[in-house]
Amino acid sequence: MEDEKLEDTASPDEETAENSETEGEDYEERIKTLEHELAVSRADFYNFRQRTIKERQETRKHAQEDVITEFLPVLDNLDRALEAASSEDTQSIIKGVDMVRRQFINALENLGVTIIEAQGEEFNPAIHDAVNTEQVEDPELDGKIIAERLKGYRTKDKVLRPAQVTVGKI
């Protein structure tokens, strides 16, 4: 019986070897689990990235459609003005083109675009582009805009195009 008891008990070296094998298997299993979780996370991130790119493209597409829709009536009225040009009634042509211009400005305003005021204003390099200076006699006109060559436009946050101006100089 003592022989049987001796056979059932393992030596400390054998227990350590068995524990090492078990721990090694546990580590391998944990590594496999972590590798799988990493692969799933990478796939999720890739899908998120693709979805974000697609959503951004859709948003841009809808914004472009909104802008185009805003300008279609302006185009219609330009076509009408061209039709009227064949009648050689210059006053009605001028009136029609002026109406289309006002409609175009309204469309820009609906999109958040405003005209930069320039004439008579103090020169501001953040919103004005000085393309010329001109000698002036009046000291009150020094540093002020005396002529506007090209209108400037802005949104709330950004200057889309600075106004090209002539600035008075003593």
Protein backbone atom coordinates (compact mmCIF):
# COMPACT_ATOMS: atom_id res chain seq x y z
CA MET A 1 0.00 0.00 0.00
CA GLU A 2 2.80 2.33 0.71
CA ASP A 3 4.11 1.58 -2.74
CA GLU A 4 0.75 2.68 -4.20
CA LYS A 5 0.85 5.92 -2.22
CA LEU A 6 4.33 6.64 -3.45
CA GLU A 7 3.30 6.08 -7.02
CA ASP A 8 0.34 8.50 -6.72
CA THR A 9 2.39 11.38 -5.41
CA ALA A 10 4.47 13.18 -7.95
CA SER A 11 7.87 14.61 -7.22
CA PRO A 12 8.21 18.39 -6.91
CA ASP A 13 10.10 18.48 -10.22
CA GLU A 14 7.24 16.71 -11.99
CA GLU A 15 4.67 19.13 -10.48
CA THR A 16 6.70 22.12 -11.62
CA ALA A 17 6.94 20.69 -15.12
CA GLU A 18 3.17 20.09 -15.22
CA ASN A 19 2.47 23.60 -13.90
CA SER A 20 4.85 25.07 -16.47
CA GLU A 21 3.08 23.20 -19.26
CA THR A 22 -0.31 24.38 -17.95
CA GLU A 23 0.91 27.95 -17.57
CA GLY A 24 2.45 27.81 -21.08
CA GLU A 25 -0.85 26.59 -22.47
CA ASP A 26 -2.65 29.37 -20.57
CA TYR A 27 -0.28 31.96 -22.02
CA GLU A 28 -0.66 30.59 -25.53
CA GLU A 29 -4.44 30.61 -25.15
CA ARG A 30 -4.33 34.19 -23.84
CA ILE A 31 -2.08 35.26 -26.73
CA LYS A 32 -4.49 33.72 -29.23
CA THR A 33 -7.40 35.48 -27.53
CA LEU A 34 -5.59 38.83 -27.59
CA GLU A 35 -4.56 38.36 -31.23
CA HIS A 36 -8.19 37.65 -32.12
CA GLU A 37 -9.38 40.73 -30.20
CA LEU A 38 -6.77 42.84 -31.98
CA ALA A 39 -7.90 41.55 -35.38
CA VAL A 40 -11.53 42.33 -34.50
CA SER A 41 -10.55 45.83 -33.31
CA ARG A 42 -8.63 46.48 -36.52
CA ALA A 43 -11.60 45.37 -38.59
CA ASP A 44 -13.95 47.56 -36.55
CA PHE A 45 -11.63 50.56 -36.97
CA TYR A 46 -11.33 49.95 -40.73
CA ASN A 47 -15.13 49.75 -41.03
CA PHE A 48 -15.52 52.93 -38.95
CA ARG A 49 -13.02 54.74 -41.16
CA GLN A 50 -14.74 53.63 -44.37
CA ARG A 51 -18.15 54.62 -42.98
CA THR A 52 -16.82 58.06 -41.95
CA ILE A 53 -15.33 58.64 -45.42
CA LYS A 54 -18.61 57.66 -47.05
CA GLU A 55 -20.63 59.93 -44.72
CA ARG A 56 -18.29 62.84 -45.46
CA GLN A 57 -18.72 62.27 -49.21
CA GLU A 58 -22.50 62.14 -48.81
CA THR A 59 -22.51 65.38 -46.80
CA ARG A 60 -20.37 67.10 -49.44
CA LYS A 61 -22.66 65.81 -52.20
CA HIS A 62 -25.78 67.12 -50.44
CA ALA A 63 -24.13 70.50 -49.84
CA GLN A 64 -23.26 70.77 -53.54
CA GLU A 65 -26.81 69.86 -54.47
CA ASP A 66 -28.14 72.58 -52.16
CA VAL A 67 -25.87 75.18 -53.76
CA ILE A 68 -26.81 74.10 -57.27
CA THR A 69 -30.52 74.21 -56.41
CA GLU A 70 -30.06 77.75 -55.06
CA PHE A 71 -28.60 78.95 -58.39
CA LEU A 72 -30.94 77.21 -60.84
CA PRO A 73 -33.53 80.03 -60.76
CA VAL A 74 -30.72 82.51 -61.45
CA LEU A 75 -29.74 80.50 -64.52
CA ASP A 76 -33.38 80.42 -65.65
CA ASN A 77 -33.55 84.21 -65.47
CA LEU A 78 -30.26 84.59 -67.34
CA ASP A 79 -31.78 82.47 -70.12
CA ARG A 80 -34.82 84.77 -70.15
CA ALA A 81 -32.53 87.82 -70.35
CA LEU A 82 -30.76 86.30 -73.36
CA GLU A 83 -34.11 85.66 -75.04
CA ALA A 84 -35.07 89.28 -74.42
CA ALA A 85 -31.77 90.43 -75.97
CA SER A 86 -33.00 89.29 -79.36
CA SER A 87 -35.81 91.89 -79.20
CA GLU A 88 -33.23 94.74 -79.11
CA ASP A 89 -35.10 96.52 -76.30
CA THR A 90 -32.01 97.58 -74.35
CA GLN A 91 -33.90 98.99 -71.39
CA SER A 92 -35.70 95.70 -70.74
CA ILE A 93 -32.40 93.83 -71.12
CA ILE A 94 -30.66 96.10 -68.60
CA LYS A 95 -33.60 95.79 -66.21
CA GLY A 96 -33.63 91.97 -66.61
CA VAL A 97 -29.88 91.62 -66.04
CA ASP A 98 -30.12 93.87 -62.96
CA MET A 99 -32.93 91.66 -61.59
CA VAL A 100 -30.81 88.54 -62.20
CA ARG A 101 -27.86 90.18 -60.44
CA ARG A 102 -30.02 90.94 -57.40
CA GLN A 103 -31.33 87.37 -57.44
CA PHE A 104 -27.75 86.08 -57.60
CA ILE A 105 -26.75 88.21 -54.60
CA ASN A 106 -29.81 86.93 -52.70
CA ALA A 107 -28.77 83.35 -53.48
CA LEU A 108 -25.28 84.09 -52.11
CA GLU A 109 -26.78 85.66 -48.99
CA ASN A 110 -28.95 82.56 -48.48
CA LEU A 111 -25.72 80.56 -48.48
CA GLY A 112 -24.21 82.86 -45.82
CA VAL A 113 -22.06 84.98 -48.16
CA THR A 114 -21.93 88.76 -47.72
CA ILE A 115 -20.30 91.55 -49.70
CA ILE A 116 -17.33 93.23 -48.01
CA GLU A 117 -17.96 96.95 -47.70
CA ALA A 118 -15.08 98.95 -49.12
CA GLN A 119 -15.89 102.37 -50.58
CA GLY A 120 -15.12 105.09 -48.00
CA GLU A 121 -14.05 102.55 -45.35
CA GLU A 122 -10.73 102.52 -43.52
CA PHE A 123 -8.29 100.17 -45.28
CA ASN A 124 -8.11 96.79 -43.51
CA PRO A 125 -5.55 94.33 -44.93
CA ALA A 126 -7.51 91.40 -43.48
CA ILE A 127 -10.44 92.05 -45.84
CA HIS A 128 -9.07 94.48 -48.47
CA ASP A 129 -6.34 94.01 -51.06
CA ALA A 130 -4.70 97.33 -51.96
CA VAL A 131 -3.92 97.16 -55.67
CA ASN A 132 -3.13 100.84 -55.95
CA THR A 133 -2.64 104.03 -53.95
CA GLU A 134 -3.64 107.47 -55.09
CA GLN A 135 -2.54 110.88 -53.87
CA VAL A 136 -5.32 112.78 -52.06
CA GLU A 137 -5.49 116.38 -50.79
CA ASP A 138 -8.02 115.75 -48.02
CA PRO A 139 -6.35 114.39 -44.83
CA GLU A 140 -9.58 112.57 -43.93
CA LEU A 141 -9.14 110.36 -47.01
CA ASP A 142 -5.64 109.26 -45.98
CA GLY A 143 -5.73 105.49 -45.42
CA LYS A 144 -9.31 105.25 -46.66
CA ILE A 145 -10.57 103.38 -49.67
CA ILE A 146 -11.32 105.81 -52.48
CA ALA A 147 -12.14 103.29 -55.22
CA GLU A 148 -13.20 99.66 -55.40
CA ARG A 149 -11.96 97.68 -58.38
CA LEU A 150 -13.38 94.29 -57.46
CA LYS A 151 -15.92 93.43 -54.78
CA GLY A 152 -14.87 91.18 -51.93
CA TYR A 153 -16.97 88.42 -50.34
CA ARG A 154 -16.94 86.69 -47.00
CA THR A 155 -18.79 84.23 -44.83
CA LYS A 156 -19.05 84.63 -41.06
CA ASP A 157 -15.69 82.93 -40.51
CA LYS A 158 -13.70 83.41 -43.68
CA VAL A 159 -12.83 85.94 -46.36
CA LEU A 160 -13.62 84.18 -49.63
CA ARG A 161 -12.06 86.94 -51.71
CA PRO A 162 -10.72 90.27 -50.43
CA ALA A 163 -12.00 93.45 -52.07
CA GLN A 164 -9.44 94.90 -54.50
CA VAL A 165 -9.22 98.59 -53.72
CA THR A 166 -7.40 101.86 -54.27
CA VAL A 167 -6.29 103.52 -51.04
CA GLY A 168 -5.91 107.28 -50.57
CA LYS A 169 -2.52 108.57 -49.49
CA ILE A 170 -1.36 112.07 -48.58
